[in-house]
Amino acid sequence: MTITITTSNLNGIRAATRKGMLDWSAEHTPDVWCMQEVRAPQSAIDPIFADIDEQYVAAGKAADGTDISTVNEVCKIKGRAGVGLLSDLPVTAVRYGLPGLSEDVDTGRWIETDVTTPQGYGLTVVCVYMHSGDVNDPVKMTQKYRFLDTMPRRLAQLRDEAAHGGRQAVLCGDFNIAHTPKDIKNAKANEKSSGFLPEERAYIDTWIGEYEFVDVMRDLAGDIQGPYTWWSQRGRAFDNNTGWRLDYQFATPELAQSAQGFVIDRAPSYDARWSDHAPLSITYNV
């Protein structure tokens, strides 16, 4: 069985909907869709999720015509962050928040769901929205590093469960870090910019090296420049493909080895975009 997992930063679910997100979802209906930067109250999220649910039913993706599973967490700070997840696979458990963090600014940034395929393959999908950080704002950089420093304990647990016959795991989201110079168009000019600081990039080195998570898209794409998933709204960054790769799927080894291919749905033109990020979809043969 193949399943498609998509991760996409919406840059606001209401704005994305106005700009055509539902046209995209009607066409693609991924089996699991992780959303970041939802930035809306529950009252605004619910009707949009209901519209997507109808699309899945119409596409025959919802099991026996029943509703898809939807979960989300609204950030406790109004207008900030927010993560959501939709699945046409049965969800057997949901966990909110990165264990070890309890400040309001860290809410709406981490959701875990356990899903199971009809064949019984168990998978933990984590939807992550990392703090963006700002080198000119020490408070924001402290928040980002605190989140990064808290992650390894949970990564170790997910790694160990997968290694001992339990659920495989995949962390999907906007991590707000370009890992290597191949993940950013102008590496040299951004060496002192948040999102490409050596200290930030070293965390991803550790996830891959010590905790054995695989950067699935890079593994599939190989040693090439890009492709990117985010382009600044300023200037002609999108038109010139002056981008950053900020959106990832980090998977445990068994799941990563089952990856068949990836697609970054870069819009055909600047005015056709429904977010400043493009969705990253990976198909796994599980």
C-alpha atoms as a PDB file:
ATOM      1  CA  MET A   1       0.000   0.000   0.000  1.00  0.00           C
ATOM      2  CA  THR A   2       1.237   3.488  -0.813  1.00  0.00           C
ATOM      3  CA  ILE A   3       0.337   6.527   1.277  1.00  0.00           C
ATOM      4  CA  THR A   4       1.028  10.167   0.548  1.00  0.00           C
ATOM      5  CA  ILE A   5       1.969  12.535   3.356  1.00  0.00           C
ATOM      6  CA  THR A   6       1.939  16.274   2.697  1.00  0.00           C
ATOM      7  CA  THR A   7       3.316  19.075   4.811  1.00  0.00           C
ATOM      8  CA  SER A   8       2.529  22.708   4.065  1.00  0.00           C
ATOM      9  CA  ASN A   9       2.844  26.018   5.869  1.00  0.00           C
ATOM     10  CA  LEU A  10      -0.403  27.832   5.079  1.00  0.00           C
ATOM     11  CA  ASN A  11       0.642  31.342   6.075  1.00  0.00           C
ATOM     12  CA  GLY A  12      -2.855  31.653   7.537  1.00  0.00           C
ATOM     13  CA  ILE A  13      -5.612  29.172   6.705  1.00  0.00           C
ATOM     14  CA  ARG A  14      -8.187  31.881   5.975  1.00  0.00           C
ATOM     15  CA  ALA A  15      -5.880  33.706   3.569  1.00  0.00           C
ATOM     16  CA  ALA A  16      -4.841  30.418   1.926  1.00  0.00           C
ATOM     17  CA  THR A  17      -8.495  29.504   1.415  1.00  0.00           C
ATOM     18  CA  ARG A  18      -9.221  32.853  -0.220  1.00  0.00           C
ATOM     19  CA  LYS A  19      -6.246  32.326  -2.544  1.00  0.00           C
ATOM     20  CA  GLY A  20      -7.205  28.855  -3.773  1.00  0.00           C
ATOM     21  CA  MET A  21      -6.033  26.276  -1.244  1.00  0.00           C
ATOM     22  CA  LEU A  22      -9.264  24.291  -1.594  1.00  0.00           C
ATOM     23  CA  ASP A  23      -8.660  23.913  -5.327  1.00  0.00           C
ATOM     24  CA  TRP A  24      -5.335  22.299  -4.466  1.00  0.00           C
ATOM     25  CA  SER A  25      -6.785  20.018  -1.794  1.00  0.00           C
ATOM     26  CA  ALA A  26      -9.618  18.840  -4.061  1.00  0.00           C
ATOM     27  CA  GLU A  27      -7.052  17.740  -6.622  1.00  0.00           C
ATOM     28  CA  HIS A  28      -4.539  16.089  -4.285  1.00  0.00           C
ATOM     29  CA  THR A  29      -6.326  14.755  -1.140  1.00  0.00           C
ATOM     30  CA  PRO A  30      -3.157  13.424   0.556  1.00  0.00           C
ATOM     31  CA  ASP A  31      -3.673  10.571   3.014  1.00  0.00           C
ATOM     32  CA  VAL A  32      -2.149  12.667   5.785  1.00  0.00           C
ATOM     33  CA  TRP A  33      -1.899  16.441   5.525  1.00  0.00           C
ATOM     34  CA  CYS A  34       0.129  18.356   8.099  1.00  0.00           C
ATOM     35  CA  MET A  35      -0.484  22.106   8.250  1.00  0.00           C
ATOM     36  CA  GLN A  36       1.540  24.798   9.974  1.00  0.00           C
ATOM     37  CA  GLU A  37       0.973  28.481  10.689  1.00  0.00           C
ATOM     38  CA  VAL A  38      -2.794  28.018  10.591  1.00  0.00           C
ATOM     39  CA  ARG A  39      -3.183  31.302  12.525  1.00  0.00           C
ATOM     40  CA  ALA A  40      -6.930  31.224  13.110  1.00  0.00           C
ATOM     41  CA  PRO A  41      -9.426  30.617  15.917  1.00  0.00           C
ATOM     42  CA  GLN A  42     -11.243  27.291  16.101  1.00  0.00           C
ATOM     43  CA  SER A  43     -14.456  28.902  14.852  1.00  0.00           C
ATOM     44  CA  ALA A  44     -12.728  29.783  11.571  1.00  0.00           C
ATOM     45  CA  ILE A  45     -10.896  26.472  11.211  1.00  0.00           C
ATOM     46  CA  ASP A  46     -13.893  24.172  11.625  1.00  0.00           C
ATOM     47  CA  PRO A  47     -15.845  25.199   8.493  1.00  0.00           C
ATOM     48  CA  ILE A  48     -12.718  25.004   6.312  1.00  0.00           C
ATOM     49  CA  PHE A  49     -11.927  21.535   7.619  1.00  0.00           C
ATOM     50  CA  ALA A  50     -15.553  20.590   6.906  1.00  0.00           C
ATOM     51  CA  ASP A  51     -15.145  21.708   3.286  1.00  0.00           C
ATOM     52  CA  ILE A  52     -11.988  19.604   2.948  1.00  0.00           C
ATOM     53  CA  ASP A  53     -13.801  16.655   4.497  1.00  0.00           C
ATOM     54  CA  GLU A  54     -16.432  16.899   1.783  1.00  0.00           C
ATOM     55  CA  GLN A  55     -13.702  16.875  -0.848  1.00  0.00           C
ATOM     56  CA  TYR A  56     -12.217  13.680   0.578  1.00  0.00           C
ATOM     57  CA  VAL A  57     -15.598  11.980   0.661  1.00  0.00           C
ATOM     58  CA  ALA A  58     -16.260  13.038  -2.940  1.00  0.00           C
ATOM     59  CA  ALA A  59     -12.858  11.661  -3.956  1.00  0.00           C
ATOM     60  CA  GLY A  60     -13.593   8.339  -2.251  1.00  0.00           C
ATOM     61  CA  LYS A  61     -10.684   8.839   0.144  1.00  0.00           C
ATOM     62  CA  ALA A  62     -12.643   8.729   3.396  1.00  0.00           C
ATOM     63  CA  ALA A  63     -13.182   5.139   4.527  1.00  0.00           C
ATOM     64  CA  ASP A  64     -16.708   3.933   3.745  1.00  0.00           C
ATOM     65  CA  GLY A  65     -17.815   7.497   3.132  1.00  0.00           C
ATOM     66  CA  THR A  66     -17.212   8.500   6.734  1.00  0.00           C
ATOM     67  CA  ASP A  67     -15.509  11.688   7.826  1.00  0.00           C
ATOM     68  CA  ILE A  68     -11.772  12.089   7.734  1.00  0.00           C
ATOM     69  CA  SER A  69      -9.967  12.621  11.029  1.00  0.00           C
ATOM     70  CA  THR A  70      -9.037  16.229  11.803  1.00  0.00           C
ATOM     71  CA  VAL A  71      -7.026  17.516  14.740  1.00  0.00           C
ATOM     72  CA  ASN A  72      -5.472  20.874  15.435  1.00  0.00           C
ATOM     73  CA  GLU A  73      -4.104  23.081  18.164  1.00  0.00           C
ATOM     74  CA  VAL A  74      -4.642  26.830  18.185  1.00  0.00           C
ATOM     75  CA  CYS A  75      -1.793  28.869  19.650  1.00  0.00           C
ATOM     76  CA  LYS A  76      -2.681  30.515  22.961  1.00  0.00           C
ATOM     77  CA  ILE A  77      -1.233  33.761  21.592  1.00  0.00           C
ATOM     78  CA  LYS A  78      -3.813  35.188  19.197  1.00  0.00           C
ATOM     79  CA  GLY A  79      -2.745  35.279  15.563  1.00  0.00           C
ATOM     80  CA  ARG A  80       0.375  33.167  16.048  1.00  0.00           C
ATOM     81  CA  ALA A  81       1.448  29.691  14.929  1.00  0.00           C
ATOM     82  CA  GLY A  82      -1.235  26.970  14.978  1.00  0.00           C
ATOM     83  CA  VAL A  83      -0.909  23.434  13.599  1.00  0.00           C
ATOM     84  CA  GLY A  84      -3.446  21.058  12.112  1.00  0.00           C
ATOM     85  CA  LEU A  85      -3.571  17.558  10.678  1.00  0.00           C
ATOM     86  CA  LEU A  86      -6.064  15.715   8.469  1.00  0.00           C
ATOM     87  CA  SER A  87      -5.971  11.976   7.850  1.00  0.00           C
ATOM     88  CA  ASP A  88      -8.011   9.499   5.857  1.00  0.00           C
ATOM     89  CA  LEU A  89      -6.276   6.737   7.838  1.00  0.00           C
ATOM     90  CA  PRO A  90      -7.723   5.846  11.235  1.00  0.00           C
ATOM     91  CA  VAL A  91      -6.234   7.951  14.048  1.00  0.00           C
ATOM     92  CA  THR A  92      -5.849   5.959  17.244  1.00  0.00           C
ATOM     93  CA  ALA A  93      -4.161   8.557  19.469  1.00  0.00           C
ATOM     94  CA  VAL A  94      -3.428  12.281  19.544  1.00  0.00           C
ATOM     95  CA  ARG A  95      -0.869  14.111  21.682  1.00  0.00           C
ATOM     96  CA  TYR A  96      -0.642  17.882  21.856  1.00  0.00           C
ATOM     97  CA  GLY A  97       2.518  19.858  22.456  1.00  0.00           C
ATOM     98  CA  LEU A  98       6.206  19.037  22.688  1.00  0.00           C
ATOM     99  CA  PRO A  99       6.726  17.330  26.065  1.00  0.00           C
ATOM    100  CA  GLY A 100       8.757  19.578  28.346  1.00  0.00           C
ATOM    101  CA  LEU A 101       7.428  22.910  27.068  1.00  0.00           C
ATOM    102  CA  SER A 102       4.469  24.710  28.604  1.00  0.00           C
ATOM    103  CA  GLU A 103       4.764  28.404  27.696  1.00  0.00           C
ATOM    104  CA  ASP A 104       2.001  29.959  25.619  1.00  0.00           C
ATOM    105  CA  VAL A 105       4.434  30.838  22.823  1.00  0.00           C
ATOM    106  CA  ASP A 106       5.209  27.122  22.379  1.00  0.00           C
ATOM    107  CA  THR A 107       1.576  26.113  21.820  1.00  0.00           C
ATOM    108  CA  GLY A 108       0.228  25.439  18.354  1.00  0.00           C
ATOM    109  CA  ARG A 109       3.588  24.063  17.263  1.00  0.00           C
ATOM    110  CA  TRP A 110       3.567  20.289  17.828  1.00  0.00           C
ATOM    111  CA  ILE A 111       0.875  17.625  17.337  1.00  0.00           C
ATOM    112  CA  GLU A 112       1.471  13.871  17.258  1.00  0.00           C
ATOM    113  CA  THR A 113      -1.021  11.420  15.787  1.00  0.00           C
ATOM    114  CA  ASP A 114      -0.826   7.645  15.673  1.00  0.00           C
ATOM    115  CA  VAL A 115      -2.345   6.318  12.450  1.00  0.00           C
ATOM    116  CA  THR A 116      -2.732   2.776  11.170  1.00  0.00           C
ATOM    117  CA  THR A 117      -3.118   1.556   7.595  1.00  0.00           C
ATOM    118  CA  PRO A 118      -5.776  -1.055   6.702  1.00  0.00           C
ATOM    119  CA  GLN A 119      -2.932  -3.603   6.606  1.00  0.00           C
ATOM    120  CA  GLY A 120      -1.988  -2.778  10.182  1.00  0.00           C
ATOM    121  CA  TYR A 121       1.122  -0.685   9.574  1.00  0.00           C
ATOM    122  CA  GLY A 122       1.510   1.689  12.506  1.00  0.00           C
ATOM    123  CA  LEU A 123       2.902   5.173  12.086  1.00  0.00           C
ATOM    124  CA  THR A 124       3.355   8.230  14.297  1.00  0.00           C
ATOM    125  CA  VAL A 125       3.028  11.463  12.320  1.00  0.00           C
ATOM    126  CA  VAL A 126       4.267  14.617  14.023  1.00  0.00           C
ATOM    127  CA  CYS A 127       3.280  18.037  12.687  1.00  0.00           C
ATOM    128  CA  VAL A 128       5.883  20.651  13.688  1.00  0.00           C
ATOM    129  CA  TYR A 129       6.052  24.419  13.340  1.00  0.00           C
ATOM    130  CA  MET A 130       9.425  25.624  14.576  1.00  0.00           C
ATOM    131  CA  HIS A 131       9.922  29.148  15.912  1.00  0.00           C
ATOM    132  CA  SER A 132      11.355  31.309  13.149  1.00  0.00           C
ATOM    133  CA  GLY A 133      13.770  33.175  15.389  1.00  0.00           C
ATOM    134  CA  ASP A 134      15.239  36.615  14.721  1.00  0.00           C
ATOM    135  CA  VAL A 135      18.912  37.481  15.175  1.00  0.00           C
ATOM    136  CA  ASN A 136      17.884  41.018  16.091  1.00  0.00           C
ATOM    137  CA  ASP A 137      15.533  39.805  18.825  1.00  0.00           C
ATOM    138  CA  PRO A 138      17.270  37.769  21.570  1.00  0.00           C
ATOM    139  CA  VAL A 139      13.915  36.713  23.064  1.00  0.00           C
ATOM    140  CA  LYS A 140      12.812  35.071  19.825  1.00  0.00           C
ATOM    141  CA  MET A 141      16.152  33.302  19.384  1.00  0.00           C
ATOM    142  CA  THR A 142      15.932  32.040  22.974  1.00  0.00           C
ATOM    143  CA  GLN A 143      12.479  30.622  22.248  1.00  0.00           C
ATOM    144  CA  LYS A 144      13.768  28.856  19.135  1.00  0.00           C
ATOM    145  CA  TYR A 145      16.787  27.332  20.868  1.00  0.00           C
ATOM    146  CA  ARG A 146      14.663  26.247  23.828  1.00  0.00           C
ATOM    147  CA  PHE A 147      12.385  24.351  21.450  1.00  0.00           C
ATOM    148  CA  LEU A 148      15.377  22.828  19.652  1.00  0.00           C
ATOM    149  CA  ASP A 149      16.992  21.844  22.953  1.00  0.00           C
ATOM    150  CA  THR A 150      13.784  20.129  24.109  1.00  0.00           C
ATOM    151  CA  MET A 151      13.227  18.050  20.960  1.00  0.00           C
ATOM    152  CA  PRO A 152      15.988  15.406  21.377  1.00  0.00           C
ATOM    153  CA  ARG A 153      14.362  13.593  24.273  1.00  0.00           C
ATOM    154  CA  ARG A 154      11.219  12.971  22.226  1.00  0.00           C
ATOM    155  CA  LEU A 155      13.247  12.134  19.110  1.00  0.00           C
ATOM    156  CA  ALA A 156      15.107   9.470  21.076  1.00  0.00           C
ATOM    157  CA  GLN A 157      11.821   7.927  22.231  1.00  0.00           C
ATOM    158  CA  LEU A 158      10.432   7.847  18.694  1.00  0.00           C
ATOM    159  CA  ARG A 159      13.697   6.402  17.366  1.00  0.00           C
ATOM    160  CA  ASP A 160      13.797   3.685  20.000  1.00  0.00           C
ATOM    161  CA  GLU A 161      10.168   2.677  19.492  1.00  0.00           C
ATOM    162  CA  ALA A 162      10.713   2.351  15.741  1.00  0.00           C
ATOM    163  CA  ALA A 163      13.955   0.426  16.201  1.00  0.00           C
ATOM    164  CA  HIS A 164      12.327  -2.152  18.472  1.00  0.00           C
ATOM    165  CA  GLY A 165       9.380  -3.142  16.304  1.00  0.00           C
ATOM    166  CA  GLY A 166       7.000  -0.359  17.289  1.00  0.00           C
ATOM    167  CA  ARG A 167       5.551   2.436  15.231  1.00  0.00           C
ATOM    168  CA  GLN A 168       7.707   4.127  12.650  1.00  0.00           C
ATOM    169  CA  ALA A 169       7.683   7.916  12.836  1.00  0.00           C
ATOM    170  CA  VAL A 170       7.863  10.945  10.582  1.00  0.00           C
ATOM    171  CA  LEU A 171       8.242  14.577  11.628  1.00  0.00           C
ATOM    172  CA  CYS A 172       6.643  16.863   9.061  1.00  0.00           C
ATOM    173  CA  GLY A 173       6.677  20.603   9.077  1.00  0.00           C
ATOM    174  CA  ASP A 174       8.240  24.000   8.690  1.00  0.00           C
ATOM    175  CA  PHE A 175      11.446  23.809  10.699  1.00  0.00           C
ATOM    176  CA  ASN A 176      12.595  27.314   9.748  1.00  0.00           C
ATOM    177  CA  ILE A 177      16.147  26.100   9.152  1.00  0.00           C
ATOM    178  CA  ALA A 178      17.889  25.555   5.819  1.00  0.00           C
ATOM    179  CA  HIS A 179      20.195  22.647   6.597  1.00  0.00           C
ATOM    180  CA  THR A 180      23.054  23.043   4.111  1.00  0.00           C
ATOM    181  CA  PRO A 181      24.139  25.479   1.377  1.00  0.00           C
ATOM    182  CA  LYS A 182      22.236  23.274  -1.062  1.00  0.00           C
ATOM    183  CA  ASP A 183      19.018  24.254   0.765  1.00  0.00           C
ATOM    184  CA  ILE A 184      19.306  28.003   0.195  1.00  0.00           C
ATOM    185  CA  LYS A 185      19.951  30.055  -2.925  1.00  0.00           C
ATOM    186  CA  ASN A 186      22.261  32.662  -1.381  1.00  0.00           C
ATOM    187  CA  ALA A 187      24.117  30.749   1.315  1.00  0.00           C
ATOM    188  CA  LYS A 188      27.068  33.091   1.755  1.00  0.00           C
ATOM    189  CA  ALA A 189      24.892  36.171   2.147  1.00  0.00           C
ATOM    190  CA  ASN A 190      22.774  34.490   4.842  1.00  0.00           C
ATOM    191  CA  GLU A 191      25.410  32.950   7.118  1.00  0.00           C
ATOM    192  CA  LYS A 192      24.439  35.405   9.868  1.00  0.00           C
ATOM    193  CA  SER A 193      20.682  35.214   9.255  1.00  0.00           C
ATOM    194  CA  SER A 194      18.267  33.296  11.459  1.00  0.00           C
ATOM    195  CA  GLY A 195      17.344  30.087   9.695  1.00  0.00           C
ATOM    196  CA  PHE A 196      20.868  29.537   8.394  1.00  0.00           C
ATOM    197  CA  LEU A 197      23.039  30.073  11.452  1.00  0.00           C
ATOM    198  CA  PRO A 198      25.650  27.327  11.978  1.00  0.00           C
ATOM    199  CA  GLU A 199      24.264  26.776  15.482  1.00  0.00           C
ATOM    200  CA  GLU A 200      20.773  26.107  14.100  1.00  0.00           C
ATOM    201  CA  ARG A 201      21.979  23.867  11.278  1.00  0.00           C
ATOM    202  CA  ALA A 202      23.948  21.749  13.764  1.00  0.00           C
ATOM    203  CA  TYR A 203      20.685  20.566  15.332  1.00  0.00           C
ATOM    204  CA  ILE A 204      19.636  18.924  12.064  1.00  0.00           C
ATOM    205  CA  ASP A 205      23.078  17.310  11.872  1.00  0.00           C
ATOM    206  CA  THR A 206      22.325  15.746  15.254  1.00  0.00           C
ATOM    207  CA  TRP A 207      18.832  14.574  14.290  1.00  0.00           C
ATOM    208  CA  ILE A 208      20.329  12.759  11.309  1.00  0.00           C
ATOM    209  CA  GLY A 209      23.598  11.608  12.824  1.00  0.00           C
ATOM    210  CA  GLU A 210      22.801  10.754  16.435  1.00  0.00           C
ATOM    211  CA  TYR A 211      19.061  10.142  16.329  1.00  0.00           C
ATOM    212  CA  GLU A 212      19.072   8.371  12.937  1.00  0.00           C
ATOM    213  CA  PHE A 213      16.237  10.329  11.348  1.00  0.00           C
ATOM    214  CA  VAL A 214      16.422  10.581   7.565  1.00  0.00           C
ATOM    215  CA  ASP A 215      15.825  13.789   5.620  1.00  0.00           C
ATOM    216  CA  VAL A 216      13.604  11.951   3.161  1.00  0.00           C
ATOM    217  CA  MET A 217      13.327  14.597   0.459  1.00  0.00           C
ATOM    218  CA  ARG A 218      17.083  15.146   0.350  1.00  0.00           C
ATOM    219  CA  ASP A 219      17.641  11.395   0.315  1.00  0.00           C
ATOM    220  CA  LEU A 220      15.372  11.136  -2.733  1.00  0.00           C
ATOM    221  CA  ALA A 221      16.593  14.284  -4.503  1.00  0.00           C
ATOM    222  CA  GLY A 222      20.270  13.551  -4.107  1.00  0.00           C
ATOM    223  CA  ASP A 223      23.190  15.965  -4.059  1.00  0.00           C
ATOM    224  CA  ILE A 224      21.620  18.818  -6.020  1.00  0.00           C
ATOM    225  CA  GLN A 225      20.919  22.474  -5.366  1.00  0.00           C
ATOM    226  CA  GLY A 226      17.415  22.844  -3.947  1.00  0.00           C
ATOM    227  CA  PRO A 227      14.652  22.335  -4.668  1.00  0.00           C
ATOM    228  CA  TYR A 228      13.249  24.995  -2.355  1.00  0.00           C
ATOM    229  CA  THR A 229       9.946  25.202  -0.496  1.00  0.00           C
ATOM    230  CA  TRP A 230       9.802  28.875   0.600  1.00  0.00           C
ATOM    231  CA  TRP A 231      10.314  32.169  -1.164  1.00  0.00           C
ATOM    232  CA  SER A 232      10.222  35.626   0.388  1.00  0.00           C
ATOM    233  CA  GLN A 233       7.250  37.791  -0.513  1.00  0.00           C
ATOM    234  CA  ARG A 234       9.671  40.666  -1.073  1.00  0.00           C
ATOM    235  CA  GLY A 235      11.250  41.581  -4.388  1.00  0.00           C
ATOM    236  CA  ARG A 236      11.283  38.955  -7.124  1.00  0.00           C
ATOM    237  CA  ALA A 237      12.417  36.040  -4.958  1.00  0.00           C
ATOM    238  CA  PHE A 238       9.754  33.687  -6.302  1.00  0.00           C
ATOM    239  CA  ASP A 239      10.214  34.661  -9.943  1.00  0.00           C
ATOM    240  CA  ASN A 240      13.990  34.228  -9.642  1.00  0.00           C
ATOM    241  CA  ASN A 241      13.678  31.041  -7.553  1.00  0.00           C
ATOM    242  CA  THR A 242      15.711  32.665  -4.782  1.00  0.00           C
ATOM    243  CA  GLY A 243      14.384  30.267  -2.185  1.00  0.00           C
ATOM    244  CA  TRP A 244      15.053  28.345   0.996  1.00  0.00           C
ATOM    245  CA  ARG A 245      14.210  24.734   1.838  1.00  0.00           C
ATOM    246  CA  LEU A 246      12.487  25.066   5.210  1.00  0.00           C
ATOM    247  CA  ASP A 247       9.868  22.293   4.976  1.00  0.00           C
ATOM    248  CA  TYR A 248      10.936  18.716   5.706  1.00  0.00           C
ATOM    249  CA  GLN A 249       9.861  15.182   6.436  1.00  0.00           C
ATOM    250  CA  PHE A 250      12.300  13.501   8.834  1.00  0.00           C
ATOM    251  CA  ALA A 251      11.523   9.773   9.059  1.00  0.00           C
ATOM    252  CA  THR A 252      12.811   6.786  10.982  1.00  0.00           C
ATOM    253  CA  PRO A 253      14.950   4.503   8.787  1.00  0.00           C
ATOM    254  CA  GLU A 254      12.426   1.799   7.926  1.00  0.00           C
ATOM    255  CA  LEU A 255       9.831   4.308   6.812  1.00  0.00           C
ATOM    256  CA  ALA A 256      12.414   6.405   4.968  1.00  0.00           C
ATOM    257  CA  GLN A 257      13.534   3.372   2.978  1.00  0.00           C
ATOM    258  CA  SER A 258       9.952   2.904   1.755  1.00  0.00           C
ATOM    259  CA  ALA A 259       9.800   6.415   0.221  1.00  0.00           C
ATOM    260  CA  GLN A 260       8.974   6.247  -3.489  1.00  0.00           C
ATOM    261  CA  GLY A 261       9.161   9.890  -4.529  1.00  0.00           C
ATOM    262  CA  PHE A 262       8.412  13.485  -3.638  1.00  0.00           C
ATOM    263  CA  VAL A 263       6.694  16.486  -5.162  1.00  0.00           C
ATOM    264  CA  ILE A 264       7.046  20.163  -4.255  1.00  0.00           C
ATOM    265  CA  ASP A 265       3.962  21.878  -5.657  1.00  0.00           C
ATOM    266  CA  ARG A 266       5.565  25.170  -6.609  1.00  0.00           C
ATOM    267  CA  ALA A 267       2.891  27.392  -8.100  1.00  0.00           C
ATOM    268  CA  PRO A 268       3.229  28.237 -11.808  1.00  0.00           C
ATOM    269  CA  SER A 269       3.357  31.967 -11.060  1.00  0.00           C
ATOM    270  CA  TYR A 270       3.627  34.393  -8.167  1.00  0.00           C
ATOM    271  CA  ASP A 271      -0.041  35.381  -8.326  1.00  0.00           C
ATOM    272  CA  ALA A 272      -1.159  31.709  -8.323  1.00  0.00           C
ATOM    273  CA  ARG A 273       0.369  31.005  -4.907  1.00  0.00           C
ATOM    274  CA  TRP A 274      -1.860  30.397  -1.894  1.00  0.00           C
ATOM    275  CA  SER A 275       1.063  30.581   0.552  1.00  0.00           C
ATOM    276  CA  ASP A 276       4.670  31.725   0.563  1.00  0.00           C
ATOM    277  CA  HIS A 277       5.525  28.029   1.092  1.00  0.00           C
ATOM    278  CA  ALA A 278       4.883  25.231  -1.404  1.00  0.00           C
ATOM    279  CA  PRO A 279       3.431  21.896  -0.215  1.00  0.00           C
ATOM    280  CA  LEU A 280       5.925  19.037   0.085  1.00  0.00           C
ATOM    281  CA  SER A 281       4.356  15.612  -0.571  1.00  0.00           C
ATOM    282  CA  ILE A 282       6.147  12.273  -0.206  1.00  0.00           C
ATOM    283  CA  THR A 283       4.735   8.885  -1.180  1.00  0.00           C
ATOM    284  CA  TYR A 284       5.669   5.884   0.957  1.00  0.00           C
ATOM    285  CA  ASN A 285       5.130   2.229   0.080  1.00  0.00           C
ATOM    286  CA  VAL A 286       4.209   0.787   3.471  1.00  0.00           C
END
